[in-house]
């Protein structure tokens, strides 16, 4: 894979991150094709989900308790290259799920196949 320029990388990674949020507005299972084979997700409330955690990330995303987001807005996004074929994006998000407003600073790491390898949310 040819290394991306910073403007192209930023556009690509921002597009990918929006795809993940749009997927989560549909269903948890819609996110699965956008994830790497061994993703790590860290959420507020001491929640660490992986392919081998209990519960697993897959079971949480496909379980009956998953509630899709109604809407989201990303802002202040920045992208940092990670070698020739990966990147980290960090940003602020405001999202709605039911009547709950969610505000956080997030970061996501993607691999060269543009699959999410990690995601972390810190409430603000």
PDB file of N, CA and C in Angstrom:
ATOM      1  N   UNK A   1       0.844  -1.176   0.000  1.00  0.00           N
ATOM      2  CA  UNK A   1       0.000   0.000   0.000  1.00  0.00           C
ATOM      3  C   UNK A   1       0.888   1.237   0.000  1.00  0.00           C
ATOM      4  N   UNK A   2       0.588   2.163  -0.868  1.00  0.00           N
ATOM      5  CA  UNK A   2       1.344   3.400  -0.941  1.00  0.00           C
ATOM      6  C   UNK A   2       0.937   4.311   0.216  1.00  0.00           C
ATOM      7  N   UNK A   3       1.922   4.925   0.908  1.00  0.00           N
ATOM      8  CA  UNK A   3       1.573   5.821   2.021  1.00  0.00           C
ATOM      9  C   UNK A   3       0.663   6.957   1.554  1.00  0.00           C
ATOM     10  N   UNK A   4      -0.277   7.310   2.371  1.00  0.00           N
ATOM     11  CA  UNK A   4      -1.204   8.393   2.054  1.00  0.00           C
ATOM     12  C   UNK A   4      -0.616   9.726   2.490  1.00  0.00           C
ATOM     13  N   UNK A   5      -0.952  10.782   1.787  1.00  0.00           N
ATOM     14  CA  UNK A   5      -0.575  12.113   2.235  1.00  0.00           C
ATOM     15  C   UNK A   5      -1.464  12.479   3.414  1.00  0.00           C
ATOM     16  N   UNK A   6      -1.056  13.425   4.199  1.00  0.00           N
ATOM     17  CA  UNK A   6      -1.841  13.812   5.383  1.00  0.00           C
ATOM     18  C   UNK A   6      -3.261  14.249   5.000  1.00  0.00           C
ATOM     19  N   UNK A   7      -3.467  15.125   3.988  1.00  0.00           N
ATOM     20  CA  UNK A   7      -4.859  15.487   3.658  1.00  0.00           C
ATOM     21  C   UNK A   7      -5.685  14.282   3.213  1.00  0.00           C
ATOM     22  N   UNK A   8      -5.115  13.396   2.410  1.00  0.00           N
ATOM     23  CA  UNK A   8      -5.836  12.206   1.971  1.00  0.00           C
ATOM     24  C   UNK A   8      -6.099  11.278   3.143  1.00  0.00           C
ATOM     25  N   UNK A   9      -5.117  11.099   4.004  1.00  0.00           N
ATOM     26  CA  UNK A   9      -5.279  10.259   5.185  1.00  0.00           C
ATOM     27  C   UNK A   9      -6.387  10.807   6.077  1.00  0.00           C
ATOM     28  N   UNK A  10      -6.373  12.092   6.318  1.00  0.00           N
ATOM     29  CA  UNK A  10      -7.393  12.709   7.163  1.00  0.00           C
ATOM     30  C   UNK A  10      -8.782  12.487   6.575  1.00  0.00           C
ATOM     31  N   UNK A  11      -8.936  12.711   5.293  1.00  0.00           N
ATOM     32  CA  UNK A  11     -10.231  12.506   4.641  1.00  0.00           C
ATOM     33  C   UNK A  11     -10.672  11.057   4.754  1.00  0.00           C
ATOM     34  N   UNK A  12      -9.760  10.127   4.506  1.00  0.00           N
ATOM     35  CA  UNK A  12     -10.078   8.702   4.551  1.00  0.00           C
ATOM     36  C   UNK A  12     -10.494   8.268   5.948  1.00  0.00           C
ATOM     37  N   UNK A  13      -9.718   8.658   6.961  1.00  0.00           N
ATOM     38  CA  UNK A  13     -10.002   8.230   8.332  1.00  0.00           C
ATOM     39  C   UNK A  13     -11.277   8.892   8.845  1.00  0.00           C
ATOM     40  N   UNK A  14     -11.491  10.153   8.555  1.00  0.00           N
ATOM     41  CA  UNK A  14     -12.732  10.823   8.982  1.00  0.00           C
ATOM     42  C   UNK A  14     -13.938  10.151   8.337  1.00  0.00           C
ATOM     43  N   UNK A  15     -13.830   9.792   7.065  1.00  0.00           N
ATOM     44  CA  UNK A  15     -14.914   9.082   6.382  1.00  0.00           C
ATOM     45  C   UNK A  15     -15.187   7.742   7.073  1.00  0.00           C
ATOM     46  N   UNK A  16     -14.118   7.022   7.400  1.00  0.00           N
ATOM     47  CA  UNK A  16     -14.267   5.731   8.072  1.00  0.00           C
ATOM     48  C   UNK A  16     -14.960   5.895   9.437  1.00  0.00           C
ATOM     49  N   UNK A  17     -14.551   6.904  10.200  1.00  0.00           N
ATOM     50  CA  UNK A  17     -15.149   7.092  11.528  1.00  0.00           C
ATOM     51  C   UNK A  17     -16.627   7.426  11.417  1.00  0.00           C
ATOM     52  N   UNK A  18     -16.994   8.235  10.437  1.00  0.00           N
ATOM     53  CA  UNK A  18     -18.423   8.516  10.211  1.00  0.00           C
ATOM     54  C   UNK A  18     -19.168   7.241   9.827  1.00  0.00           C
ATOM     55  N   UNK A  19     -18.541   6.372   9.040  1.00  0.00           N
ATOM     56  CA  UNK A  19     -19.180   5.096   8.683  1.00  0.00           C
ATOM     57  C   UNK A  19     -19.473   4.267   9.930  1.00  0.00           C
ATOM     58  N   UNK A  20     -18.547   4.279  10.894  1.00  0.00           N
ATOM     59  CA  UNK A  20     -18.770   3.483  12.103  1.00  0.00           C
ATOM     60  C   UNK A  20     -19.928   4.056  12.923  1.00  0.00           C
ATOM     61  N   UNK A  21     -20.004   5.372  13.043  1.00  0.00           N
ATOM     62  CA  UNK A  21     -21.104   5.976  13.798  1.00  0.00           C
ATOM     63  C   UNK A  21     -22.436   5.765  13.081  1.00  0.00           C
ATOM     64  N   UNK A  22     -22.440   5.887  11.748  1.00  0.00           N
ATOM     65  CA  UNK A  22     -23.688   5.627  10.997  1.00  0.00           C
ATOM     66  C   UNK A  22     -24.125   4.177  11.191  1.00  0.00           C
ATOM     67  N   UNK A  23     -23.160   3.265  11.203  1.00  0.00           N
ATOM     68  CA  UNK A  23     -23.492   1.854  11.436  1.00  0.00           C
ATOM     69  C   UNK A  23     -24.155   1.689  12.797  1.00  0.00           C
ATOM     70  N   UNK A  24     -23.626   2.371  13.815  1.00  0.00           N
ATOM     71  CA  UNK A  24     -24.183   2.256  15.171  1.00  0.00           C
ATOM     72  C   UNK A  24     -25.540   2.948  15.302  1.00  0.00           C
ATOM     73  N   UNK A  25     -25.881   3.813  14.362  1.00  0.00           N
ATOM     74  CA  UNK A  25     -27.228   4.384  14.337  1.00  0.00           C
ATOM     75  C   UNK A  25     -28.213   3.388  13.726  1.00  0.00           C
ATOM     76  N   UNK A  26     -27.699   2.393  13.038  1.00  0.00           N
ATOM     77  CA  UNK A  26     -28.528   1.351  12.444  1.00  0.00           C
ATOM     78  C   UNK A  26     -28.691   0.187  13.417  1.00  0.00           C
ATOM     79  N   UNK A  27     -27.572  -0.469  13.757  1.00  0.00           N
ATOM     80  CA  UNK A  27     -27.587  -1.600  14.688  1.00  0.00           C
ATOM     81  C   UNK A  27     -26.156  -1.917  15.098  1.00  0.00           C
ATOM     82  N   UNK A  28     -26.001  -2.647  16.170  1.00  0.00           N
ATOM     83  CA  UNK A  28     -24.675  -3.069  16.590  1.00  0.00           C
ATOM     84  C   UNK A  28     -24.024  -4.002  15.589  1.00  0.00           C
ATOM     85  N   UNK A  29     -24.825  -4.882  15.004  1.00  0.00           N
ATOM     86  CA  UNK A  29     -24.264  -5.835  14.035  1.00  0.00           C
ATOM     87  C   UNK A  29     -23.793  -5.128  12.767  1.00  0.00           C
ATOM     88  N   UNK A  30     -24.303  -3.939  12.473  1.00  0.00           N
ATOM     89  CA  UNK A  30     -23.837  -3.178  11.306  1.00  0.00           C
ATOM     90  C   UNK A  30     -22.386  -2.730  11.464  1.00  0.00           C
ATOM     91  N   UNK A  31     -21.914  -2.660  12.704  1.00  0.00           N
ATOM     92  CA  UNK A  31     -20.531  -2.253  12.943  1.00  0.00           C
ATOM     93  C   UNK A  31     -19.548  -3.391  12.671  1.00  0.00           C
ATOM     94  N   UNK A  32     -19.974  -4.625  12.809  1.00  0.00           N
ATOM     95  CA  UNK A  32     -19.061  -5.774  12.731  1.00  0.00           C
ATOM     96  C   UNK A  32     -18.185  -5.805  11.479  1.00  0.00           C
ATOM     97  N   UNK A  33     -18.702  -5.543  10.271  1.00  0.00           N
ATOM     98  CA  UNK A  33     -17.832  -5.587   9.095  1.00  0.00           C
ATOM     99  C   UNK A  33     -16.758  -4.502   9.072  1.00  0.00           C
ATOM    100  N   UNK A  34     -16.891  -3.486   9.915  1.00  0.00           N
ATOM    101  CA  UNK A  34     -15.944  -2.377   9.940  1.00  0.00           C
ATOM    102  C   UNK A  34     -14.842  -2.571  10.982  1.00  0.00           C
ATOM    103  N   UNK A  35     -14.892  -3.672  11.717  1.00  0.00           N
ATOM    104  CA  UNK A  35     -13.932  -3.939  12.785  1.00  0.00           C
ATOM    105  C   UNK A  35     -12.834  -4.888  12.328  1.00  0.00           C
ATOM    106  N   UNK A  36     -11.652  -4.743  12.938  1.00  0.00           N
ATOM    107  CA  UNK A  36     -10.568  -5.693  12.701  1.00  0.00           C
ATOM    108  C   UNK A  36     -10.932  -7.030  13.341  1.00  0.00           C
ATOM    109  N   UNK A  37     -10.095  -8.019  13.159  1.00  0.00           N
ATOM    110  CA  UNK A  37     -10.383  -9.337  13.729  1.00  0.00           C
ATOM    111  C   UNK A  37     -10.234  -9.372  15.236  1.00  0.00           C
ATOM    112  N   UNK A  38      -9.480  -8.437  15.803  1.00  0.00           N
ATOM    113  CA  UNK A  38      -9.299  -8.425  17.268  1.00  0.00           C
ATOM    114  C   UNK A  38      -9.386  -6.999  17.815  1.00  0.00           C
ATOM    115  N   UNK A  39     -10.561  -6.375  17.716  1.00  0.00           N
ATOM    116  CA  UNK A  39     -10.708  -4.998  18.194  1.00  0.00           C
ATOM    117  C   UNK A  39     -10.725  -4.906  19.720  1.00  0.00           C
ATOM    118  N   UNK A  40     -10.341  -3.728  20.203  1.00  0.00           N
ATOM    119  CA  UNK A  40     -10.397  -3.414  21.631  1.00  0.00           C
ATOM    120  C   UNK A  40     -11.224  -2.141  21.767  1.00  0.00           C
ATOM    121  N   UNK A  41     -12.254  -2.194  22.608  1.00  0.00           N
ATOM    122  CA  UNK A  41     -13.102  -1.024  22.827  1.00  0.00           C
ATOM    123  C   UNK A  41     -13.194  -0.748  24.322  1.00  0.00           C
ATOM    124  N   UNK A  42     -12.945   0.513  24.669  1.00  0.00           N
ATOM    125  CA  UNK A  42     -12.949   0.938  26.064  1.00  0.00           C
ATOM    126  C   UNK A  42     -13.997   2.040  26.209  1.00  0.00           C
ATOM    127  N   UNK A  43     -14.958   1.787  27.106  1.00  0.00           N
ATOM    128  CA  UNK A  43     -16.066   2.705  27.288  1.00  0.00           C
ATOM    129  C   UNK A  43     -16.142   3.200  28.729  1.00  0.00           C
ATOM    130  N   UNK A  44     -16.804   4.348  28.945  1.00  0.00           N
ATOM    131  CA  UNK A  44     -17.003   4.835  30.312  1.00  0.00           C
ATOM    132  C   UNK A  44     -17.699   3.773  31.160  1.00  0.00           C
ATOM    133  N   UNK A  45     -17.440   3.797  32.437  1.00  0.00           N
ATOM    134  CA  UNK A  45     -18.056   2.842  33.350  1.00  0.00           C
ATOM    135  C   UNK A  45     -17.260   1.567  33.488  1.00  0.00           C
ATOM    136  N   UNK A  46     -15.943   1.647  33.222  1.00  0.00           N
ATOM    137  CA  UNK A  46     -15.055   0.501  33.400  1.00  0.00           C
ATOM    138  C   UNK A  46     -15.417  -0.664  32.474  1.00  0.00           C
ATOM    139  N   UNK A  47     -15.768  -0.345  31.222  1.00  0.00           N
ATOM    140  CA  UNK A  47     -16.161  -1.375  30.259  1.00  0.00           C
ATOM    141  C   UNK A  47     -15.048  -1.554  29.235  1.00  0.00           C
ATOM    142  N   UNK A  48     -14.514  -2.754  29.180  1.00  0.00           N
ATOM    143  CA  UNK A  48     -13.469  -3.139  28.227  1.00  0.00           C
ATOM    144  C   UNK A  48     -13.995  -4.331  27.435  1.00  0.00           C
ATOM    145  N   UNK A  49     -14.184  -4.142  26.143  1.00  0.00           N
ATOM    146  CA  UNK A  49     -14.728  -5.198  25.295  1.00  0.00           C
ATOM    147  C   UNK A  49     -13.730  -5.599  24.224  1.00  0.00           C
ATOM    148  N   UNK A  50     -13.539  -6.903  24.062  1.00  0.00           N
ATOM    149  CA  UNK A  50     -12.685  -7.467  23.027  1.00  0.00           C
ATOM    150  C   UNK A  50     -13.389  -8.688  22.450  1.00  0.00           C
ATOM    151  N   UNK A  51     -12.720  -9.354  21.533  1.00  0.00           N
ATOM    152  CA  UNK A  51     -13.306 -10.577  20.968  1.00  0.00           C
ATOM    153  C   UNK A  51     -13.315 -11.713  21.981  1.00  0.00           C
ATOM    154  N   UNK A  52     -12.485 -11.598  23.035  1.00  0.00           N
ATOM    155  CA  UNK A  52     -12.419 -12.674  24.035  1.00  0.00           C
ATOM    156  C   UNK A  52     -12.881 -12.254  25.427  1.00  0.00           C
ATOM    157  N   UNK A  53     -13.333 -11.012  25.578  1.00  0.00           N
ATOM    158  CA  UNK A  53     -13.792 -10.566  26.898  1.00  0.00           C
ATOM    159  C   UNK A  53     -15.117 -11.231  27.236  1.00  0.00           C
ATOM    160  N   UNK A  54     -15.512 -11.116  28.502  1.00  0.00           N
ATOM    161  CA  UNK A  54     -16.814 -11.610  28.938  1.00  0.00           C
ATOM    162  C   UNK A  54     -17.580 -10.434  29.528  1.00  0.00           C
ATOM    163  N   UNK A  55     -18.654  -9.970  28.871  1.00  0.00           N
ATOM    164  CA  UNK A  55     -19.155 -10.439  27.587  1.00  0.00           C
ATOM    165  C   UNK A  55     -18.215 -10.007  26.457  1.00  0.00           C
ATOM    166  N   UNK A  56     -18.337 -10.664  25.316  1.00  0.00           N
ATOM    167  CA  UNK A  56     -17.501 -10.304  24.164  1.00  0.00           C
ATOM    168  C   UNK A  56     -18.107  -9.092  23.453  1.00  0.00           C
ATOM    169  N   UNK A  57     -17.270  -8.407  22.702  1.00  0.00           N
ATOM    170  CA  UNK A  57     -17.745  -7.271  21.912  1.00  0.00           C
ATOM    171  C   UNK A  57     -18.845  -7.722  20.956  1.00  0.00           C
ATOM    172  N   UNK A  58     -18.655  -8.856  20.309  1.00  0.00           N
ATOM    173  CA  UNK A  58     -19.648  -9.384  19.371  1.00  0.00           C
ATOM    174  C   UNK A  58     -21.001  -9.609  20.057  1.00  0.00           C
ATOM    175  N   UNK A  59     -20.981 -10.206  21.240  1.00  0.00           N
ATOM    176  CA  UNK A  59     -22.247 -10.486  21.921  1.00  0.00           C
ATOM    177  C   UNK A  59     -22.948  -9.209  22.364  1.00  0.00           C
ATOM    178  N   UNK A  60     -22.189  -8.192  22.746  1.00  0.00           N
ATOM    179  CA  UNK A  60     -22.799  -6.911  23.127  1.00  0.00           C
ATOM    180  C   UNK A  60     -23.415  -6.234  21.905  1.00  0.00           C
ATOM    181  N   UNK A  61     -22.690  -6.237  20.785  1.00  0.00           N
ATOM    182  CA  UNK A  61     -23.188  -5.573  19.583  1.00  0.00           C
ATOM    183  C   UNK A  61     -24.394  -6.270  18.975  1.00  0.00           C
ATOM    184  N   UNK A  62     -24.484  -7.577  19.136  1.00  0.00           N
ATOM    185  CA  UNK A  62     -25.580  -8.317  18.523  1.00  0.00           C
ATOM    186  C   UNK A  62     -26.663  -8.732  19.513  1.00  0.00           C
ATOM    187  N   UNK A  63     -26.474  -8.399  20.779  1.00  0.00           N
ATOM    188  CA  UNK A  63     -27.420  -8.809  21.808  1.00  0.00           C
ATOM    189  C   UNK A  63     -28.696  -7.988  21.819  1.00  0.00           C
ATOM    190  N   UNK A  64     -29.702  -8.479  22.507  1.00  0.00           N
ATOM    191  CA  UNK A  64     -31.007  -7.806  22.549  1.00  0.00           C
ATOM    192  C   UNK A  64     -30.995  -6.488  23.316  1.00  0.00           C
ATOM    193  N   UNK A  65     -29.967  -6.244  24.134  1.00  0.00           N
ATOM    194  CA  UNK A  65     -29.912  -5.010  24.913  1.00  0.00           C
ATOM    195  C   UNK A  65     -29.240  -3.861  24.164  1.00  0.00           C
ATOM    196  N   UNK A  66     -28.689  -4.122  22.976  1.00  0.00           N
ATOM    197  CA  UNK A  66     -28.040  -3.050  22.222  1.00  0.00           C
ATOM    198  C   UNK A  66     -29.090  -2.054  21.743  1.00  0.00           C
ATOM    199  N   UNK A  67     -28.845  -0.774  22.007  1.00  0.00           N
ATOM    200  CA  UNK A  67     -29.749   0.298  21.570  1.00  0.00           C
ATOM    201  C   UNK A  67     -28.979   1.186  20.597  1.00  0.00           C
ATOM    202  N   UNK A  68     -29.426   1.297  19.348  1.00  0.00           N
ATOM    203  CA  UNK A  68     -28.726   2.148  18.380  1.00  0.00           C
ATOM    204  C   UNK A  68     -28.770   3.618  18.789  1.00  0.00           C
ATOM    205  N   UNK A  69     -27.767   4.365  18.331  1.00  0.00           N
ATOM    206  CA  UNK A  69     -27.775   5.814  18.514  1.00  0.00           C
ATOM    207  C   UNK A  69     -28.832   6.401  17.586  1.00  0.00           C
ATOM    208  N   UNK A  70     -29.462   7.504  18.004  1.00  0.00           N
ATOM    209  CA  UNK A  70     -30.427   8.198  17.143  1.00  0.00           C
ATOM    210  C   UNK A  70     -29.722   9.175  16.224  1.00  0.00           C
ATOM    211  N   UNK A  71     -28.683   9.832  16.751  1.00  0.00           N
ATOM    212  CA  UNK A  71     -27.957  10.832  15.964  1.00  0.00           C
ATOM    213  C   UNK A  71     -26.583  11.051  16.587  1.00  0.00           C
ATOM    214  N   UNK A  72     -25.701  11.676  15.825  1.00  0.00           N
ATOM    215  CA  UNK A  72     -24.361  11.988  16.330  1.00  0.00           C
ATOM    216  C   UNK A  72     -23.802  13.174  15.555  1.00  0.00           C
ATOM    217  N   UNK A  73     -22.880  13.884  16.177  1.00  0.00           N
ATOM    218  CA  UNK A  73     -22.118  14.947  15.536  1.00  0.00           C
ATOM    219  C   UNK A  73     -20.678  14.836  16.010  1.00  0.00           C
ATOM    220  N   UNK A  74     -19.744  14.770  15.059  1.00  0.00           N
ATOM    221  CA  UNK A  74     -18.323  14.745  15.384  1.00  0.00           C
ATOM    222  C   UNK A  74     -17.741  16.126  15.128  1.00  0.00           C
ATOM    223  N   UNK A  75     -16.802  16.545  15.988  1.00  0.00           N
ATOM    224  CA  UNK A  75     -16.146  17.835  15.790  1.00  0.00           C
ATOM    225  C   UNK A  75     -14.712  17.766  16.302  1.00  0.00           C
ATOM    226  N   UNK A  76     -13.936  18.745  15.890  1.00  0.00           N
ATOM    227  CA  UNK A  76     -12.544  18.883  16.326  1.00  0.00           C
ATOM    228  C   UNK A  76     -11.734  17.622  16.043  1.00  0.00           C
ATOM    229  N   UNK A  77     -11.957  17.019  14.872  1.00  0.00           N
ATOM    230  CA  UNK A  77     -11.256  15.779  14.566  1.00  0.00           C
ATOM    231  C   UNK A  77      -9.831  16.054  14.078  1.00  0.00           C
ATOM    232  N   UNK A  78      -8.922  15.226  14.539  1.00  0.00           N
ATOM    233  CA  UNK A  78      -7.518  15.274  14.148  1.00  0.00           C
ATOM    234  C   UNK A  78      -7.075  13.859  13.845  1.00  0.00           C
ATOM    235  N   UNK A  79      -6.179  13.700  12.891  1.00  0.00           N
ATOM    236  CA  UNK A  79      -5.684  12.391  12.495  1.00  0.00           C
ATOM    237  C   UNK A  79      -4.174  12.353  12.635  1.00  0.00           C
ATOM    238  N   UNK A  80      -3.675  11.246  13.197  1.00  0.00           N
ATOM    239  CA  UNK A  80      -2.244  11.026  13.366  1.00  0.00           C
ATOM    240  C   UNK A  80      -1.873   9.743  12.624  1.00  0.00           C
ATOM    241  N   UNK A  81      -0.938   9.811  11.662  1.00  0.00           N
ATOM    242  CA  UNK A  81      -0.521   8.587  10.978  1.00  0.00           C
ATOM    243  C   UNK A  81       0.189   7.643  11.954  1.00  0.00           C
ATOM    244  N   UNK A  82      -0.031   6.354  11.776  1.00  0.00           N
ATOM    245  CA  UNK A  82       0.665   5.319  12.548  1.00  0.00           C
ATOM    246  C   UNK A  82       1.376   4.413  11.550  1.00  0.00           C
ATOM    247  N   UNK A  83       2.596   4.750  11.215  1.00  0.00           N
ATOM    248  CA  UNK A  83       3.326   3.999  10.206  1.00  0.00           C
ATOM    249  C   UNK A  83       2.778   4.293   8.824  1.00  0.00           C
ATOM    250  N   UNK A  84       3.007   3.372   7.896  1.00  0.00           N
ATOM    251  CA  UNK A  84       2.574   3.569   6.512  1.00  0.00           C
ATOM    252  C   UNK A  84       1.144   3.148   6.253  1.00  0.00           C
ATOM    253  N   UNK A  85       0.538   2.380   7.173  1.00  0.00           N
ATOM    254  CA  UNK A  85      -0.771   1.829   6.842  1.00  0.00           C
ATOM    255  C   UNK A  85      -1.766   1.827   7.997  1.00  0.00           C
ATOM    256  N   UNK A  86      -1.626   2.752   8.896  1.00  0.00           N
ATOM    257  CA  UNK A  86      -2.574   2.857   9.994  1.00  0.00           C
ATOM    258  C   UNK A  86      -2.691   4.300  10.441  1.00  0.00           C
ATOM    259  N   UNK A  87      -3.657   4.570  11.284  1.00  0.00           N
ATOM    260  CA  UNK A  87      -3.852   5.934  11.764  1.00  0.00           C
ATOM    261  C   UNK A  87      -4.681   5.933  13.036  1.00  0.00           C
ATOM    262  N   UNK A  88      -4.571   7.033  13.752  1.00  0.00           N
ATOM    263  CA  UNK A  88      -5.368   7.295  14.945  1.00  0.00           C
ATOM    264  C   UNK A  88      -6.161   8.555  14.673  1.00  0.00           C
ATOM    265  N   UNK A  89      -7.448   8.526  14.986  1.00  0.00           N
ATOM    266  CA  UNK A  89      -8.269   9.727  14.911  1.00  0.00           C
ATOM    267  C   UNK A  89      -8.771  10.024  16.312  1.00  0.00           C
ATOM    268  N   UNK A  90      -8.776  11.305  16.675  1.00  0.00           N
ATOM    269  CA  UNK A  90      -9.383  11.707  17.941  1.00  0.00           C
ATOM    270  C   UNK A  90     -10.280  12.903  17.675  1.00  0.00           C
ATOM    271  N   UNK A  91     -11.372  12.985  18.455  1.00  0.00           N
ATOM    272  CA  UNK A  91     -12.413  13.968  18.177  1.00  0.00           C
ATOM    273  C   UNK A  91     -13.357  14.070  19.371  1.00  0.00           C
ATOM    274  N   UNK A  92     -14.261  15.034  19.293  1.00  0.00           N
ATOM    275  CA  UNK A  92     -15.364  15.163  20.247  1.00  0.00           C
ATOM    276  C   UNK A  92     -16.632  14.667  19.560  1.00  0.00           C
ATOM    277  N   UNK A  93     -17.503  14.053  20.343  1.00  0.00           N
ATOM    278  CA  UNK A  93     -18.774  13.593  19.803  1.00  0.00           C
ATOM    279  C   UNK A  93     -19.903  14.029  20.731  1.00  0.00           C
ATOM    280  N   UNK A  94     -21.007  14.414  20.117  1.00  0.00           N
ATOM    281  CA  UNK A  94     -22.278  14.592  20.817  1.00  0.00           C
ATOM    282  C   UNK A  94     -23.243  13.659  20.114  1.00  0.00           C
ATOM    283  N   UNK A  95     -23.890  12.808  20.888  1.00  0.00           N
ATOM    284  CA  UNK A  95     -24.792  11.817  20.308  1.00  0.00           C
ATOM    285  C   UNK A  95     -26.034  11.687  21.173  1.00  0.00           C
ATOM    286  N   UNK A  96     -27.078  11.158  20.560  1.00  0.00           N
ATOM    287  CA  UNK A  96     -28.333  10.923  21.268  1.00  0.00           C
ATOM    288  C   UNK A  96     -28.693   9.452  21.153  1.00  0.00           C
ATOM    289  N   UNK A  97     -29.106   8.882  22.260  1.00  0.00           N
ATOM    290  CA  UNK A  97     -29.634   7.511  22.311  1.00  0.00           C
ATOM    291  C   UNK A  97     -30.867   7.593  23.188  1.00  0.00           C
ATOM    292  N   UNK A  98     -32.033   7.365  22.581  1.00  0.00           N
ATOM    293  CA  UNK A  98     -33.266   7.601  23.319  1.00  0.00           C
ATOM    294  C   UNK A  98     -33.331   9.076  23.671  1.00  0.00           C
ATOM    295  N   UNK A  99     -33.574   9.385  24.944  1.00  0.00           N
ATOM    296  CA  UNK A  99     -33.586  10.772  25.408  1.00  0.00           C
ATOM    297  C   UNK A  99     -32.260  11.175  26.037  1.00  0.00           C
ATOM    298  N   UNK A 100     -31.283  10.282  26.009  1.00  0.00           N
ATOM    299  CA  UNK A 100     -29.986  10.518  26.644  1.00  0.00           C
ATOM    300  C   UNK A 100     -29.034  11.236  25.697  1.00  0.00           C
ATOM    301  N   UNK A 101     -28.476  12.360  26.167  1.00  0.00           N
ATOM    302  CA  UNK A 101     -27.452  13.074  25.416  1.00  0.00           C
ATOM    303  C   UNK A 101     -26.092  12.585  25.896  1.00  0.00           C
ATOM    304  N   UNK A 102     -25.224  12.274  24.967  1.00  0.00           N
ATOM    305  CA  UNK A 102     -23.908  11.718  25.255  1.00  0.00           C
ATOM    306  C   UNK A 102     -22.852  12.659  24.690  1.00  0.00           C
ATOM    307  N   UNK A 103     -21.886  13.046  25.531  1.00  0.00           N
ATOM    308  CA  UNK A 103     -20.772  13.899  25.100  1.00  0.00           C
ATOM    309  C   UNK A 103     -19.481  13.240  25.541  1.00  0.00           C
ATOM    310  N   UNK A 104     -18.536  13.117  24.605  1.00  0.00           N
ATOM    311  CA  UNK A 104     -17.283  12.449  24.937  1.00  0.00           C
ATOM    312  C   UNK A 104     -16.173  12.912  24.002  1.00  0.00           C
ATOM    313  N   UNK A 105     -14.946  12.678  24.464  1.00  0.00           N
ATOM    314  CA  UNK A 105     -13.770  12.746  23.607  1.00  0.00           C
ATOM    315  C   UNK A 105     -13.461  11.294  23.252  1.00  0.00           C
ATOM    316  N   UNK A 106     -13.278  11.024  21.976  1.00  0.00           N
ATOM    317  CA  UNK A 106     -13.059   9.652  21.511  1.00  0.00           C
ATOM    318  C   UNK A 106     -11.766   9.555  20.720  1.00  0.00           C
ATOM    319  N   UNK A 107     -11.243   8.354  20.671  1.00  0.00           N
ATOM    320  CA  UNK A 107     -10.143   8.060  19.764  1.00  0.00           C
ATOM    321  C   UNK A 107     -10.372   6.680  19.181  1.00  0.00           C
ATOM    322  N   UNK A 108      -9.969   6.522  17.922  1.00  0.00           N
ATOM    323  CA  UNK A 108     -10.062   5.239  17.240  1.00  0.00           C
ATOM    324  C   UNK A 108      -8.782   5.010  16.462  1.00  0.00           C
ATOM    325  N   UNK A 109      -8.327   3.774  16.462  1.00  0.00           N
ATOM    326  CA  UNK A 109      -7.179   3.384  15.669  1.00  0.00           C
ATOM    327  C   UNK A 109      -7.620   2.434  14.581  1.00  0.00           C
ATOM    328  N   UNK A 110      -7.099   2.639  13.367  1.00  0.00           N
ATOM    329  CA  UNK A 110      -7.439   1.766  12.250  1.00  0.00           C
ATOM    330  C   UNK A 110      -6.173   1.187  11.647  1.00  0.00           C
ATOM    331  N   UNK A 111      -6.328   0.002  11.059  1.00  0.00           N
ATOM    332  CA  UNK A 111      -5.199  -0.646  10.404  1.00  0.00           C
ATOM    333  C   UNK A 111      -5.203  -0.321   8.912  1.00  0.00           C
ATOM    334  N   UNK A 112      -4.265  -0.890   8.189  1.00  0.00           N
ATOM    335  CA  UNK A 112      -4.134  -0.611   6.762  1.00  0.00           C
ATOM    336  C   UNK A 112      -5.305  -1.068   5.929  1.00  0.00           C
ATOM    337  N   UNK A 113      -6.114  -1.975   6.449  1.00  0.00           N
ATOM    338  CA  UNK A 113      -7.326  -2.387   5.741  1.00  0.00           C
ATOM    339  C   UNK A 113      -8.505  -1.500   6.069  1.00  0.00           C
ATOM    340  N   UNK A 114      -8.247  -0.401   6.817  1.00  0.00           N
ATOM    341  CA  UNK A 114      -9.254   0.559   7.249  1.00  0.00           C
ATOM    342  C   UNK A 114     -10.315  -0.090   8.108  1.00  0.00           C
ATOM    343  N   UNK A 115      -9.886  -1.037   8.921  1.00  0.00           N
ATOM    344  CA  UNK A 115     -10.759  -1.671   9.905  1.00  0.00           C
ATOM    345  C   UNK A 115     -10.384  -1.133  11.286  1.00  0.00           C
ATOM    346  N   UNK A 116     -11.388  -0.867  12.102  1.00  0.00           N
ATOM    347  CA  UNK A 116     -11.147  -0.330  13.435  1.00  0.00           C
ATOM    348  C   UNK A 116     -10.492  -1.386  14.320  1.00  0.00           C
ATOM    349  N   UNK A 117      -9.355  -1.010  14.906  1.00  0.00           N
ATOM    350  CA  UNK A 117      -8.639  -1.899  15.822  1.00  0.00           C
ATOM    351  C   UNK A 117      -8.889  -1.512  17.278  1.00  0.00           C
ATOM    352  N   UNK A 118      -9.124  -0.222  17.511  1.00  0.00           N
ATOM    353  CA  UNK A 118      -9.363   0.226  18.885  1.00  0.00           C
ATOM    354  C   UNK A 118     -10.289   1.430  18.873  1.00  0.00           C
ATOM    355  N   UNK A 119     -10.975   1.591  19.985  1.00  0.00           N
ATOM    356  CA  UNK A 119     -11.847   2.749  20.173  1.00  0.00           C
ATOM    357  C   UNK A 119     -11.952   3.006  21.664  1.00  0.00           C
ATOM    358  N   UNK A 120     -11.867   4.276  22.042  1.00  0.00           N
ATOM    359  CA  UNK A 120     -11.988   4.642  23.455  1.00  0.00           C
ATOM    360  C   UNK A 120     -12.829   5.902  23.569  1.00  0.00           C
ATOM    361  N   UNK A 121     -13.659   5.956  24.614  1.00  0.00           N
ATOM    362  CA  UNK A 121     -14.497   7.116  24.890  1.00  0.00           C
ATOM    363  C   UNK A 121     -14.245   7.609  26.307  1.00  0.00           C
ATOM    364  N   UNK A 122     -14.069   8.925  26.444  1.00  0.00           N
ATOM    365  CA  UNK A 122     -13.928   9.566  27.740  1.00  0.00           C
ATOM    366  C   UNK A 122     -15.035  10.619  27.852  1.00  0.00           C
ATOM    367  N   UNK A 123     -15.895  10.465  28.843  1.00  0.00           N
ATOM    368  CA  UNK A 123     -17.008  11.403  29.010  1.00  0.00           C
ATOM    369  C   UNK A 123     -16.523  12.814  29.296  1.00  0.00           C
ATOM    370  N   UNK A 124     -17.245  13.806  28.762  1.00  0.00           N
ATOM    371  CA  UNK A 124     -16.964  15.214  29.080  1.00  0.00           C
ATOM    372  C   UNK A 124     -18.256  15.873  29.522  1.00  0.00           C
TER     373      UNK A 124
END
